[in-house]
Protein backbone atom coordinates (compact mmCIF):
# COMPACT_ATOMS: atom_id res chain seq x y z
CA UNK A 1 42.30 140.58 85.87
CA UNK A 2 45.93 138.85 84.18
CA UNK A 3 47.39 142.62 84.51
CA UNK A 4 46.59 142.67 88.45
CA UNK A 5 48.62 139.26 88.82
CA UNK A 6 51.43 140.38 86.29
CA UNK A 7 51.92 143.49 88.83
CA UNK A 8 51.49 141.30 91.72
CA UNK A 9 54.58 138.82 90.30
CA UNK A 10 56.34 141.85 89.59
CA UNK A 11 56.45 143.36 92.77
CA UNK A 12 56.66 139.66 94.37
CA UNK A 13 60.34 139.11 92.32
CA UNK A 14 61.39 142.10 92.65
CA UNK A 15 60.68 141.46 96.50
CA UNK A 16 62.87 138.21 96.25
CA UNK A 17 65.74 139.67 94.13
CA UNK A 18 66.11 142.58 96.87
CA UNK A 19 66.22 139.84 100.16
CA UNK A 20 69.95 140.75 101.33
CA UNK A 21 69.87 137.95 103.77
CA UNK A 22 68.38 134.48 104.39
CA UNK A 23 66.78 135.88 107.34
CA UNK A 24 65.09 138.85 104.81
CA UNK A 25 64.43 135.98 102.23
CA UNK A 26 61.98 134.09 104.86
CA UNK A 27 60.21 136.71 105.77
CA UNK A 28 59.45 137.29 101.90
CA UNK A 29 58.50 133.63 101.21
CA UNK A 30 56.22 134.03 104.29
CA UNK A 31 54.22 137.71 102.89
CA UNK A 32 54.05 135.67 100.16
CA UNK A 33 53.31 132.04 100.15
CA UNK A 34 52.96 131.26 103.73
CA UNK A 35 49.52 129.96 105.33
CA UNK A 36 48.54 134.20 105.74
CA UNK A 37 50.50 135.33 102.55
CA UNK A 38 49.05 137.05 99.59
CA UNK A 39 49.23 134.17 97.03
CA UNK A 40 47.29 132.00 99.96
CA UNK A 41 44.96 134.70 100.26
CA UNK A 42 44.21 135.02 96.97
CA UNK A 43 43.83 131.00 96.80
CA UNK A 44 40.69 131.47 99.57
CA UNK A 45 39.12 134.13 97.22
CA UNK A 46 38.72 131.46 94.15
CA UNK A 47 35.47 129.57 95.85
CA UNK A 48 33.31 132.96 95.06
CA UNK A 49 34.27 132.79 91.57
CA UNK A 50 32.12 131.26 88.57
CA UNK A 51 33.48 127.32 87.81
CA UNK A 52 34.91 128.92 84.25
CA UNK A 53 36.62 131.67 85.69
CA UNK A 54 37.63 129.97 89.37
CA UNK A 55 39.76 127.47 86.24
CA UNK A 56 41.15 130.19 84.66
CA UNK A 57 42.24 131.93 88.10
CA UNK A 58 43.36 128.82 90.03
CA UNK A 59 45.48 128.41 86.77
CA UNK A 60 47.17 131.45 86.75
CA UNK A 61 47.67 131.49 90.87
CA UNK A 62 49.24 128.27 90.72
CA UNK A 63 51.90 129.45 88.20
CA UNK A 64 52.41 132.79 90.24
CA UNK A 65 53.06 129.95 93.41
CA UNK A 66 55.44 128.06 91.46
CA UNK A 67 57.50 130.70 90.04
CA UNK A 68 57.73 132.60 92.81
CA UNK A 69 59.03 129.22 94.45
CA UNK A 70 61.37 128.90 92.34
CA UNK A 71 62.93 132.12 92.91
CA UNK A 72 63.40 131.84 96.55
CA UNK A 73 65.01 128.65 95.93
CA UNK A 74 67.64 130.16 93.73
CA UNK A 75 68.07 133.53 96.00
CA UNK A 76 68.39 131.16 98.36
CA UNK A 77 71.27 129.17 96.71
CA UNK A 78 72.66 132.59 96.08
CA UNK A 79 72.47 133.87 99.40
CA UNK A 80 74.00 130.48 100.80
CA UNK A 81 76.95 130.56 98.70
CA UNK A 82 77.68 134.57 99.83
CA UNK A 83 77.37 133.17 103.37
CA UNK A 84 80.05 130.78 102.59
CA UNK A 85 82.21 132.87 101.01
CA UNK A 86 82.38 135.11 103.43
CA UNK A 87 83.22 132.63 106.41
CA UNK A 88 85.73 131.03 104.37
CA UNK A 89 87.30 134.86 103.91
CA UNK A 90 86.57 135.58 107.32
CA UNK A 91 88.29 132.01 108.27
CA UNK A 92 91.61 132.33 106.00
CA UNK A 93 94.66 131.41 107.24
CA UNK A 94 98.17 133.43 106.41
CA UNK A 95 99.93 130.70 105.65
CA UNK A 96 103.30 132.90 105.27
CA UNK A 97 103.09 133.61 109.13
CA UNK A 98 105.55 131.61 111.44
CA UNK A 99 104.86 128.16 113.01
CA UNK A 100 103.51 128.82 116.82
CA UNK A 101 106.04 126.42 118.94
CA UNK A 102 103.02 125.49 120.74
CA UNK A 103 101.51 124.11 118.19
CA UNK A 104 104.10 121.87 116.37
CA UNK A 105 102.69 119.68 114.05
CA UNK A 106 102.67 115.72 113.82
CA UNK A 107 103.03 113.56 111.04
CA UNK A 108 99.95 111.33 110.87
CA UNK A 109 100.11 107.21 111.54
CA UNK A 110 99.39 106.52 108.08
CA UNK A 111 102.32 108.79 106.65
CA UNK A 112 104.96 107.71 109.31
CA UNK A 113 103.73 103.68 108.44
CA UNK A 114 104.32 104.57 104.47
CA UNK A 115 107.59 106.40 104.98
CA UNK A 116 109.00 103.18 107.31
CA UNK A 117 107.87 100.58 104.31
CA UNK A 118 109.56 103.04 101.79
CA UNK A 119 112.56 103.14 103.79
CA UNK A 120 112.83 99.44 104.43
CA UNK A 121 111.93 98.33 101.06
CA UNK A 122 114.75 101.02 99.17
CA UNK A 123 117.16 99.34 101.38
CA UNK A 124 116.01 96.16 99.04
CA UNK A 125 116.40 98.01 96.34
CA UNK A 126 112.83 98.67 95.66
CA UNK A 127 111.43 102.08 94.16
CA UNK A 128 108.23 103.80 94.41
CA UNK A 129 105.29 103.71 91.79
CA UNK A 130 102.13 105.79 91.53
CA UNK A 131 99.07 105.69 89.40
CA UNK A 132 95.47 106.84 89.10
CA UNK A 133 92.68 106.52 92.19
CA UNK A 134 90.29 106.34 88.95
CA UNK A 135 90.97 102.89 87.29
CA UNK A 136 89.60 101.43 84.03
CA UNK A 137 87.86 97.85 84.85
CA UNK A 138 90.79 96.30 82.50
CA UNK A 139 93.49 97.40 84.97
CA UNK A 140 91.71 96.57 87.93
CA UNK A 141 90.39 93.10 87.55
CA UNK A 142 90.82 91.69 83.77
CA UNK A 143 94.52 92.26 83.62
CA UNK A 144 95.06 90.63 87.04
CA UNK A 145 93.22 87.52 85.85
CA UNK A 146 90.19 88.06 88.13
CA UNK A 147 87.40 86.46 86.25
CA UNK A 148 84.16 88.41 85.26
CA UNK A 149 81.95 86.61 88.16
CA UNK A 150 84.48 87.02 90.75
CA UNK A 151 82.62 88.61 93.73
CA UNK A 152 85.17 91.36 94.07
CA UNK A 153 83.62 92.79 90.73
CA UNK A 154 79.76 93.12 92.36
CA UNK A 155 79.02 96.47 93.48
CA UNK A 156 78.43 95.70 97.09
CA UNK A 157 82.19 95.31 96.77
CA UNK A 158 83.26 98.04 94.71
CA UNK A 159 82.69 101.40 94.05
CA UNK A 160 81.77 102.04 90.19
CA UNK A 161 81.86 105.41 88.49
CA UNK A 162 78.66 106.25 86.48
CA UNK A 163 78.73 104.84 82.63
CA UNK A 164 80.56 107.17 79.86
CA UNK A 165 78.26 105.77 77.15
CA UNK A 166 80.80 103.16 75.80
CA UNK A 167 79.80 100.58 78.20
CA UNK A 168 82.59 100.72 80.54
CA UNK A 169 82.63 101.91 83.65
CA UNK A 170 85.63 102.82 85.82
CA UNK A 171 86.40 102.24 89.11
CA UNK A 172 87.75 103.78 92.18
CA UNK A 173 91.11 101.07 92.51
CA UNK A 174 90.42 98.11 95.32
CA UNK A 175 93.91 97.67 95.17
CA UNK A 176 97.00 99.42 94.21
CA UNK A 177 97.85 96.19 91.83
CA UNK A 178 96.75 98.15 88.54
CA UNK A 179 100.01 100.51 89.12
CA UNK A 180 101.72 97.13 88.59
CA UNK A 181 99.74 96.34 85.32
CA UNK A 182 101.03 99.93 84.28
CA UNK A 183 104.46 99.71 85.29
CA UNK A 184 105.17 96.08 83.44
CA UNK A 185 103.36 97.45 80.32
CA UNK A 186 105.99 100.69 80.04
CA UNK A 187 108.56 98.67 81.98
CA UNK A 188 111.04 96.46 80.51
CA UNK A 189 112.15 93.84 82.91
CA UNK A 190 113.77 93.87 85.69
CA UNK A 191 111.32 95.29 87.32
CA UNK A 192 110.99 95.81 91.18
CA UNK A 193 108.98 98.35 92.43
CA UNK A 194 106.49 99.09 95.64
CA UNK A 195 103.64 100.83 95.21
CA UNK A 196 101.66 102.91 98.46
CA UNK A 197 98.31 104.27 97.84
CA UNK A 198 94.89 104.93 98.39
CA UNK A 199 92.20 102.27 98.10
CA UNK A 200 88.50 102.25 97.71
CA UNK A 201 85.95 99.28 98.92
CA UNK A 202 82.36 99.08 100.33
CA UNK A 203 83.04 97.98 103.79
CA UNK A 204 82.71 99.99 107.37
CA UNK A 205 83.57 98.90 110.70
CA UNK A 206 86.20 98.91 113.47
CA UNK A 207 88.50 97.24 111.29
CA UNK A 208 87.40 98.34 107.57
CA UNK A 209 87.20 101.37 105.96
CA UNK A 210 85.75 102.46 102.52
CA UNK A 211 88.97 104.12 102.20
CA UNK A 212 92.30 102.97 103.33
CA UNK A 213 96.02 102.50 102.47
CA UNK A 214 97.97 99.47 100.77
CA UNK A 215 101.47 99.18 100.05
CA UNK A 216 102.43 96.27 97.15
CA UNK A 217 105.40 95.20 95.73
CA UNK A 218 106.44 93.85 92.45
CA UNK A 219 109.75 91.96 91.70
CA UNK A 220 109.92 90.26 88.04
CA UNK A 221 113.25 89.07 86.20
CA UNK A 222 114.50 85.82 84.94
CA UNK A 223 115.84 84.28 88.25
CA UNK A 224 113.50 84.92 91.27
CA UNK A 225 111.56 82.26 93.07
CA UNK A 226 109.62 81.98 96.13
CA UNK A 227 112.48 81.81 98.59
CA UNK A 228 113.09 85.12 97.63
CA UNK A 229 109.86 86.17 97.91
CA UNK A 230 109.74 84.81 101.48
CA UNK A 231 113.21 86.41 102.42
CA UNK A 232 112.28 89.64 101.38
CA UNK A 233 108.90 89.58 103.36
CA UNK A 234 111.03 87.86 106.81
CA UNK A 235 113.20 90.82 106.55
CA UNK A 236 110.33 93.31 105.77
CA UNK A 237 108.40 92.17 109.18
CA UNK A 238 111.32 91.93 111.41
CA UNK A 239 112.93 95.65 110.68
CA UNK A 240 109.32 96.98 110.58
CA UNK A 241 108.19 95.60 113.89
CA UNK A 242 111.52 95.84 115.59
CA UNK A 243 112.00 92.35 116.53
CA UNK A 244 115.25 90.35 115.12
CA UNK A 245 113.91 86.98 115.60
CA UNK A 246 110.13 87.58 114.89
CA UNK A 247 108.26 83.99 114.22
CA UNK A 248 107.02 84.19 110.08
CA UNK A 249 104.83 81.78 108.48
CA UNK A 250 103.66 81.14 104.83
CA UNK A 251 99.91 79.67 104.77
CA UNK A 252 98.88 78.17 101.49
CA UNK A 253 96.18 80.42 100.05
CA UNK A 254 94.67 82.04 96.51
CA UNK A 255 94.92 84.99 94.61
CA UNK A 256 93.41 84.89 90.86
CA UNK A 257 97.04 87.00 90.29
CA UNK A 258 99.45 84.93 91.95
CA UNK A 259 100.18 81.46 91.85
CA UNK A 260 101.36 79.77 94.23
CA UNK A 261 99.96 81.83 96.54
CA UNK A 262 100.61 82.72 100.70
CA UNK A 263 99.29 84.39 103.39
CA UNK A 264 101.94 85.81 105.85
CA UNK A 265 101.59 85.21 109.92
CA UNK A 266 103.59 86.78 112.62
CA UNK A 267 104.22 85.35 115.79
CA UNK A 268 102.63 86.94 118.82
CA UNK A 269 100.84 86.25 122.03
CA UNK A 270 97.58 87.11 123.93
CA UNK A 271 98.05 87.28 127.61
CA UNK A 272 95.85 89.01 130.29
CA UNK A 273 94.08 90.86 127.57
CA UNK A 274 97.14 92.22 126.35
CA UNK A 275 98.66 91.83 122.77
CA UNK A 276 102.09 91.52 121.99
CA UNK A 277 103.97 90.94 118.51
CA UNK A 278 106.97 88.18 119.20
CA UNK A 279 107.11 85.02 120.16
CA UNK A 280 103.96 83.44 122.03
CA UNK A 281 101.55 80.65 121.25
CA UNK A 282 99.43 82.60 118.34
CA UNK A 283 99.61 83.87 114.91
CA UNK A 284 98.33 87.03 113.13
CA UNK A 285 97.96 87.28 109.67
CA UNK A 286 99.13 90.80 108.19
CA UNK A 287 99.68 90.17 104.10
CA UNK A 288 99.01 88.55 101.41
CA UNK A 289 101.89 87.40 98.40
CA UNK A 290 102.74 84.52 95.71
CA UNK A 291 104.42 84.33 92.52
CA UNK A 292 103.08 86.35 89.67
CA UNK A 293 100.46 84.33 87.63
CA UNK A 294 101.99 83.79 84.29
CA UNK A 295 98.87 84.89 82.70
CA UNK A 296 99.35 88.31 84.46
CA UNK A 297 102.65 88.57 82.68
CA UNK A 298 100.99 87.87 79.69
CA UNK A 299 98.54 90.58 79.64
CA UNK A 300 101.19 92.88 80.45
CA UNK A 301 103.03 91.67 77.05
CA UNK A 302 105.84 90.10 79.26
CA UNK A 303 106.73 86.17 78.12
CA UNK A 304 106.59 84.30 81.15
CA UNK A 305 108.31 81.45 79.50
CA UNK A 306 111.76 83.79 80.32
CA UNK A 307 110.40 85.76 83.31
CA UNK A 308 108.85 85.56 86.29
CA UNK A 309 108.27 87.28 89.68
CA UNK A 310 106.70 87.92 93.37
CA UNK A 311 104.25 89.89 94.30
CA UNK A 312 102.64 91.06 97.66
CA UNK A 313 100.50 93.46 99.33
CA UNK A 314 99.47 94.93 103.04
CA UNK A 315 97.31 96.95 104.47
CA UNK A 316 99.01 100.42 105.45
CA UNK A 317 96.61 100.80 108.66
CA UNK A 318 96.55 97.18 109.78
CA UNK A 319 100.33 97.74 110.24
CA UNK A 320 99.96 100.89 111.96
CA UNK A 321 96.97 99.28 114.00
CA UNK A 322 99.56 96.57 115.27
CA UNK A 323 102.67 98.14 115.46
CA UNK A 324 101.49 101.54 117.27
CA UNK A 325 98.35 100.08 119.55
CA UNK A 326 95.83 101.68 117.75
CA UNK A 327 92.35 100.01 118.71
CA UNK A 328 89.62 101.42 116.24
CA UNK A 329 90.15 101.92 112.09
CA UNK A 330 87.75 104.53 112.30
CA UNK A 331 89.74 106.54 114.57
CA UNK A 332 92.34 107.38 111.24
CA UNK A 333 90.03 109.59 109.57
CA UNK A 334 87.94 111.41 112.06
CA UNK A 335 90.51 114.61 112.23
CA UNK A 336 90.18 114.73 115.57
CA UNK A 337 93.71 116.37 117.10
CA UNK A 338 94.00 115.14 120.42
CA UNK A 339 94.13 111.69 118.83
CA UNK A 340 96.74 112.70 116.56
CA UNK A 341 98.56 114.42 118.86
CA UNK A 342 98.63 111.15 120.76
CA UNK A 343 99.53 109.05 118.09
CA UNK A 344 101.76 111.71 115.97
CA UNK A 345 105.23 111.61 115.03
CA UNK A 346 107.81 114.69 114.80
CA UNK A 347 107.37 116.29 111.25
CA UNK A 348 111.25 116.96 111.53
CA UNK A 349 112.67 113.45 111.88
CA UNK A 350 112.41 110.96 108.84
CA UNK A 351 112.60 107.28 109.53
CA UNK A 352 115.38 105.30 107.64
CA UNK A 353 117.19 101.88 107.93
CA UNK A 354 120.51 103.80 109.11
CA UNK A 355 118.63 106.15 111.65
CA UNK A 356 116.02 104.01 112.90
CA UNK A 357 112.23 103.88 111.90
CA UNK A 358 110.36 105.29 114.57
CA UNK A 359 111.95 108.66 115.93
């Protein structure tokens, strides 16, 4: 009896291996494991056997069924990979071909906004710094004076990676501030940097995304003060929105990594269902800022009795939505060519303070 099952197993596994397409593999599965398949038919014959023989035969058939099922799954995965490889090869693009005039590409509004911010702050003497998207808890929270029980550390707010075994879980950075920490550790003041990049938080709706972009700024020296911070951000807002007398106000706020802290509002008006930036009877909050908390400086090895500085952070998507009239944050990441062609920018004209921002 065992010999006939071994022979049957070899025959079935050979049929699975020989299946050259997902359709052929499905035919093998139906023929062996389906309602009218051979294994199913053998299972139905168990009722005519005596109890001892039925038990042994049933165990053997179940083992055969499991082995054939595993072989089918493995072959299915192989065929799916082969199909994907063939499709990718067929859809390949020759990047050496010249650009088609009728299909000119566009710069994404996020890239345009980052370039504009770099152009403005570059004129003020800031340089661009970058860092990893996957960060250690110390850089993302502890060094920034964020306490262990702060809500931002909770799993409903932050994407944590699996524990590596040492009890330390890395995170997808929730802001670009860890780059400020790394820069202060590696660079002796004076420091003047901006940090554009991707950030990640557990949120998703018309005005929030689990992945978004920020640009943060940091200045550390011996003489800077709150007045310098205000002048820097007022000049930025007026240059970015191209409104020379744009009203800008600073409201007291709280952030663990700055003291004192403030939120920055710009003037706006909402009339007749329209929103306009400039002089009006309303305000729109756009960014947070403040003087760097002395504890943060000390965490980075900088003597807070000698040096001080300011920092700020603003969401790139928020700036783009306000400036370009984009109503829904989610459309930034939907890869809709019609949307990109409508809101996109010319790739050959980079923004600058000399030539203009929106070209």
